[in-house]
Amino acid sequence: MTENKSAHDKIFEELVTATKILINEGIMDTFGHISARVPEDPQSFFLAQKLAPSVITVNDIQRFNLDGETSDNRPSYLERYIHSEIYKARPDVQCVLHTHSPAVLPYCFVDQPLRPVTHMGAFLGDAVPVYEIRDKHGDDTDLFGGSPSVCRDIAESLGSYPVVLMARHGVVNVGNSVREVVFRAFYLEQEAAALTAGLRIGTIKYLSPGEIKTAGKLVGAQIDRGWDHWSQRLRQAGLA
């Protein structure tokens, strides 16, 4: 029990730190949330109770099953099903993040695909998939990921990719750890901004399949370096 408690404490602290980093770096707004799968129980995950991200502490973390249910009677995010359905569909995923990442958001409502243009975006693969809620639910929905059925479709659109966009709504990142997802969220934001700037200047030369494969491996090994940098920025800002 002691080992599990210690492991859980570390996860809770990482989820809180991740939230602070994402806010401080301008990626997460008032309505974002990040979760982590329970290491010893893949059928469960941790996610904070329904609060503004900036006030979340380790005492606010709830435990859910893969149906998005919890015995904790505190309020829960309606969009917890985004997390539960992705964990259900993707056993490899250990962390799920939902944001309205500012530079990425335009790619949720235009016909321009979000494709990698620098080595830091190689992890994206050939192009970021987009979940279109209108395909099954028409054009009079709230665009929200608030039901298991909608979120099951989001997970299906994600497929084996690390990111999926929700049309006219936001972004979902996944990965093998909390730190990896924060790293990917930061560079997804940067990649979207770079692509948007490039489209204004001239013809884009996207990454080739070979560059995507090779650069993705190199950059993916630098996750802790990013975490250390952003954590230090929190301390310097008095937010740690």
Protein backbone atom coordinates (compact mmCIF):
# COMPACT_ATOMS: atom_id res chain seq x y z
CA MET A 1 0.00 0.00 0.00
CA THR A 2 2.85 2.37 0.84
CA GLU A 3 4.43 1.90 -2.59
CA ASN A 4 1.11 2.55 -4.35
CA LYS A 5 0.44 5.64 -2.23
CA SER A 6 3.91 6.98 -3.02
CA ALA A 7 3.42 6.30 -6.73
CA HIS A 8 0.02 7.96 -6.66
CA ASP A 9 1.38 11.01 -4.84
CA LYS A 10 3.98 11.41 -7.58
CA ILE A 11 1.31 11.21 -10.28
CA PHE A 12 -0.90 13.73 -8.46
CA GLU A 13 2.05 16.13 -8.17
CA GLU A 14 2.88 15.70 -11.87
CA LEU A 15 -0.72 16.37 -12.89
CA VAL A 16 -0.77 19.58 -10.82
CA THR A 17 2.64 20.68 -12.13
CA ALA A 18 1.61 19.84 -15.70
CA THR A 19 -1.51 21.97 -15.32
CA LYS A 20 0.53 24.89 -14.03
CA ILE A 21 3.06 24.55 -16.87
CA LEU A 22 0.34 24.44 -19.51
CA ILE A 23 -1.32 27.54 -18.06
CA ASN A 24 1.99 29.40 -17.70
CA GLU A 25 3.01 28.59 -21.28
CA GLY A 26 -0.34 29.81 -22.65
CA ILE A 27 -1.65 26.43 -23.79
CA MET A 28 -4.40 25.72 -21.26
CA ASP A 29 -7.27 28.10 -20.56
CA THR A 30 -10.09 27.99 -18.02
CA PHE A 31 -11.60 24.78 -19.40
CA GLY A 32 -8.64 22.44 -19.94
CA HIS A 33 -7.87 19.22 -18.04
CA ILE A 34 -5.22 16.50 -17.94
CA SER A 35 -5.42 12.92 -16.64
CA ALA A 36 -3.16 9.91 -16.03
CA ARG A 37 -3.88 6.19 -16.08
CA VAL A 38 -3.47 4.39 -12.74
CA PRO A 39 -0.20 2.40 -13.15
CA GLU A 40 -1.28 -0.75 -11.28
CA ASP A 41 -4.87 -0.64 -12.57
CA PRO A 42 -5.13 0.09 -16.32
CA GLN A 43 -8.93 0.13 -16.00
CA SER A 44 -8.78 3.36 -13.96
CA PHE A 45 -7.44 6.88 -14.35
CA PHE A 46 -6.84 10.00 -12.27
CA LEU A 47 -8.38 13.37 -13.15
CA ALA A 48 -8.99 16.46 -11.04
CA GLN A 49 -12.46 17.34 -9.84
CA LYS A 50 -14.39 20.02 -11.72
CA LEU A 51 -12.44 23.16 -10.88
CA ALA A 52 -10.69 26.03 -12.63
CA PRO A 53 -7.27 24.61 -13.57
CA SER A 54 -5.29 27.30 -11.74
CA VAL A 55 -6.70 26.32 -8.32
CA ILE A 56 -6.22 22.53 -8.59
CA THR A 57 -4.10 20.84 -5.90
CA VAL A 58 -3.12 17.23 -5.22
CA ASN A 59 -6.15 16.97 -2.93
CA ASP A 60 -8.51 17.52 -5.88
CA ILE A 61 -7.63 14.40 -7.85
CA GLN A 62 -10.43 11.87 -8.41
CA ARG A 63 -10.23 8.25 -9.59
CA PHE A 64 -12.46 7.05 -12.43
CA ASN A 65 -13.10 3.75 -14.16
CA LEU A 66 -13.13 3.47 -17.95
CA ASP A 67 -16.82 4.23 -18.06
CA GLY A 68 -16.07 7.63 -16.57
CA GLU A 69 -17.62 6.71 -13.21
CA THR A 70 -16.26 7.47 -9.73
CA SER A 71 -17.29 6.88 -6.12
CA ASP A 72 -16.02 10.38 -5.29
CA ASN A 73 -19.06 12.61 -4.76
CA ARG A 74 -17.34 15.85 -5.67
CA PRO A 75 -18.28 17.47 -9.03
CA SER A 76 -16.59 15.96 -12.10
CA TYR A 77 -15.85 17.35 -15.55
CA LEU A 78 -18.51 16.50 -18.13
CA GLU A 79 -15.69 15.93 -20.62
CA ARG A 80 -14.19 13.14 -18.50
CA TYR A 81 -15.56 10.79 -21.18
CA ILE A 82 -12.92 12.08 -23.59
CA HIS A 83 -10.40 10.57 -21.21
CA SER A 84 -12.28 7.37 -20.40
CA GLU A 85 -13.06 6.48 -24.01
CA ILE A 86 -9.50 7.09 -25.17
CA TYR A 87 -8.06 4.99 -22.35
CA LYS A 88 -10.55 2.29 -23.30
CA ALA A 89 -9.63 2.38 -27.00
CA ARG A 90 -5.87 2.90 -26.56
CA PRO A 91 -4.24 0.61 -23.95
CA ASP A 92 -0.88 2.20 -24.78
CA VAL A 93 -1.98 5.68 -23.68
CA GLN A 94 -0.99 6.71 -20.14
CA CYS A 95 -2.02 10.36 -20.24
CA VAL A 96 -4.77 12.39 -21.93
CA LEU A 97 -4.98 16.18 -22.21
CA HIS A 98 -7.78 18.39 -23.50
CA THR A 99 -7.15 22.08 -24.23
CA HIS A 100 -8.18 24.93 -26.50
CA SER A 101 -4.56 25.57 -27.49
CA PRO A 102 -4.68 29.05 -29.13
CA ALA A 103 -2.44 28.57 -32.17
CA VAL A 104 -3.94 25.15 -32.87
CA LEU A 105 -7.57 26.24 -32.57
CA PRO A 106 -7.86 27.71 -36.10
CA TYR A 107 -7.08 24.27 -37.55
CA CYS A 108 -10.28 23.06 -35.90
CA PHE A 109 -12.41 25.13 -38.28
CA VAL A 110 -10.50 25.46 -41.57
CA ASP A 111 -9.86 22.98 -44.37
CA GLN A 112 -6.07 23.38 -44.09
CA PRO A 113 -4.60 20.20 -42.53
CA LEU A 114 -2.22 20.61 -39.60
CA ARG A 115 0.97 18.94 -40.79
CA PRO A 116 4.50 19.01 -39.35
CA VAL A 117 6.88 21.59 -40.80
CA THR A 118 9.84 21.40 -38.37
CA HIS A 119 11.72 18.67 -36.54
CA MET A 120 9.91 19.54 -33.28
CA GLY A 121 6.60 18.58 -34.85
CA ALA A 122 7.73 15.26 -36.30
CA PHE A 123 5.82 13.35 -33.60
CA LEU A 124 2.56 14.46 -35.25
CA GLY A 125 2.98 12.06 -38.15
CA ASP A 126 1.68 12.87 -41.62
CA ALA A 127 -1.24 15.08 -40.50
CA VAL A 128 -3.41 15.63 -37.42
CA PRO A 129 -6.84 13.95 -37.71
CA VAL A 130 -10.02 15.96 -37.08
CA TYR A 131 -13.15 14.66 -35.37
CA GLU A 132 -16.24 16.10 -37.09
CA ILE A 133 -19.27 15.88 -34.77
CA ARG A 134 -21.63 16.86 -37.60
CA ASP A 135 -21.03 13.55 -39.38
CA LYS A 136 -23.26 11.67 -36.92
CA HIS A 137 -25.00 14.35 -34.87
CA GLY A 138 -25.88 17.11 -37.33
CA ASP A 139 -25.28 20.83 -37.08
CA ASP A 140 -27.28 21.72 -33.96
CA THR A 141 -25.07 20.23 -31.21
CA ASP A 142 -23.21 22.07 -28.45
CA LEU A 143 -19.87 20.78 -29.93
CA PHE A 144 -19.11 19.33 -26.51
CA GLY A 145 -17.42 16.05 -25.57
CA GLY A 146 -19.96 15.42 -22.84
CA SER A 147 -21.29 11.95 -23.70
CA PRO A 148 -19.68 8.52 -23.99
CA SER A 149 -20.95 8.06 -27.55
CA VAL A 150 -19.45 11.30 -28.85
CA CYS A 151 -16.19 10.65 -27.02
CA ARG A 152 -16.07 7.10 -28.40
CA ASP A 153 -16.10 8.69 -31.86
CA ILE A 154 -13.36 11.11 -30.82
CA ALA A 155 -11.23 8.13 -29.77
CA GLU A 156 -11.97 6.45 -33.10
CA SER A 157 -10.87 9.58 -34.99
CA LEU A 158 -7.69 9.72 -32.91
CA GLY A 159 -6.79 6.22 -34.05
CA SER A 160 -3.09 5.58 -33.43
CA TYR A 161 -2.14 9.29 -33.65
CA PRO A 162 -0.85 11.39 -30.72
CA VAL A 163 -3.29 14.25 -31.35
CA VAL A 164 -6.85 14.72 -32.58
CA LEU A 165 -8.66 17.99 -33.19
CA MET A 166 -12.33 18.41 -32.28
CA ALA A 167 -13.96 20.44 -35.04
CA ARG A 168 -14.80 23.99 -33.90
CA HIS A 169 -13.89 23.08 -30.32
CA GLY A 170 -10.37 22.12 -29.28
CA VAL A 171 -7.50 19.68 -29.03
CA VAL A 172 -6.81 16.29 -27.45
CA ASN A 173 -3.21 15.15 -26.87
CA VAL A 174 -2.20 11.67 -25.70
CA GLY A 175 1.07 10.01 -24.77
CA ASN A 176 3.03 7.54 -22.69
CA SER A 177 3.45 9.84 -19.68
CA VAL A 178 2.33 13.16 -18.26
CA ARG A 179 5.68 14.70 -19.20
CA GLU A 180 5.48 13.46 -22.77
CA VAL A 181 2.00 14.90 -23.22
CA VAL A 182 3.09 18.30 -21.87
CA PHE A 183 6.08 18.24 -24.22
CA ARG A 184 3.86 17.37 -27.17
CA ALA A 185 1.25 19.98 -26.27
CA PHE A 186 3.88 22.73 -26.14
CA TYR A 187 5.41 21.80 -29.49
CA LEU A 188 2.03 21.22 -31.11
CA GLU A 189 1.21 24.83 -30.23
CA GLN A 190 4.57 25.96 -31.62
CA GLU A 191 4.17 23.88 -34.78
CA ALA A 192 0.70 25.27 -35.48
CA ALA A 193 2.01 28.82 -35.07
CA ALA A 194 4.93 28.10 -37.40
CA LEU A 195 2.68 26.57 -40.07
CA THR A 196 0.27 29.51 -39.91
CA ALA A 197 3.16 31.96 -40.29
CA GLY A 198 4.64 29.95 -43.15
CA LEU A 199 1.37 29.87 -45.06
CA ARG A 200 1.43 33.67 -45.11
CA ILE A 201 4.94 33.77 -46.59
CA GLY A 202 5.04 31.17 -49.34
CA THR A 203 4.76 27.54 -50.36
CA ILE A 204 5.20 25.13 -47.46
CA LYS A 205 7.78 22.34 -47.62
CA TYR A 206 6.36 19.81 -45.19
CA LEU A 207 8.42 17.14 -43.46
CA SER A 208 9.01 14.03 -45.56
CA PRO A 209 8.03 10.58 -44.23
CA GLY A 210 11.70 9.86 -43.56
CA GLU A 211 12.15 13.11 -41.65
CA ILE A 212 9.03 12.41 -39.62
CA LYS A 213 10.38 9.02 -38.58
CA THR A 214 13.97 10.02 -37.85
CA ALA A 215 13.44 13.45 -36.29
CA GLY A 216 10.58 12.12 -34.19
CA LYS A 217 12.89 9.64 -32.46
CA LEU A 218 15.55 12.27 -31.76
CA VAL A 219 13.22 14.93 -30.38
CA GLY A 220 11.21 12.39 -28.38
CA ALA A 221 14.28 11.67 -26.25
CA GLN A 222 14.34 15.26 -24.91
CA ILE A 223 11.14 15.17 -22.85
CA ASP A 224 12.76 15.64 -19.43
CA ARG A 225 14.76 18.59 -20.70
CA GLY A 226 11.53 20.36 -21.60
CA TRP A 227 9.91 19.47 -18.27
CA ASP A 228 12.93 20.78 -16.32
CA HIS A 229 12.89 24.03 -18.31
CA TRP A 230 9.17 24.71 -17.86
CA SER A 231 9.29 23.72 -14.18
CA GLN A 232 12.09 26.19 -13.60
CA ARG A 233 10.04 28.89 -15.31
CA LEU A 234 7.26 28.15 -12.79
CA ARG A 235 9.69 28.56 -9.90
CA GLN A 236 11.05 31.80 -11.34
CA ALA A 237 7.50 33.12 -11.64
CA GLY A 238 6.69 32.07 -8.07
CA LEU A 239 4.09 29.56 -9.29
CA ALA A 240 5.71 26.27 -8.25
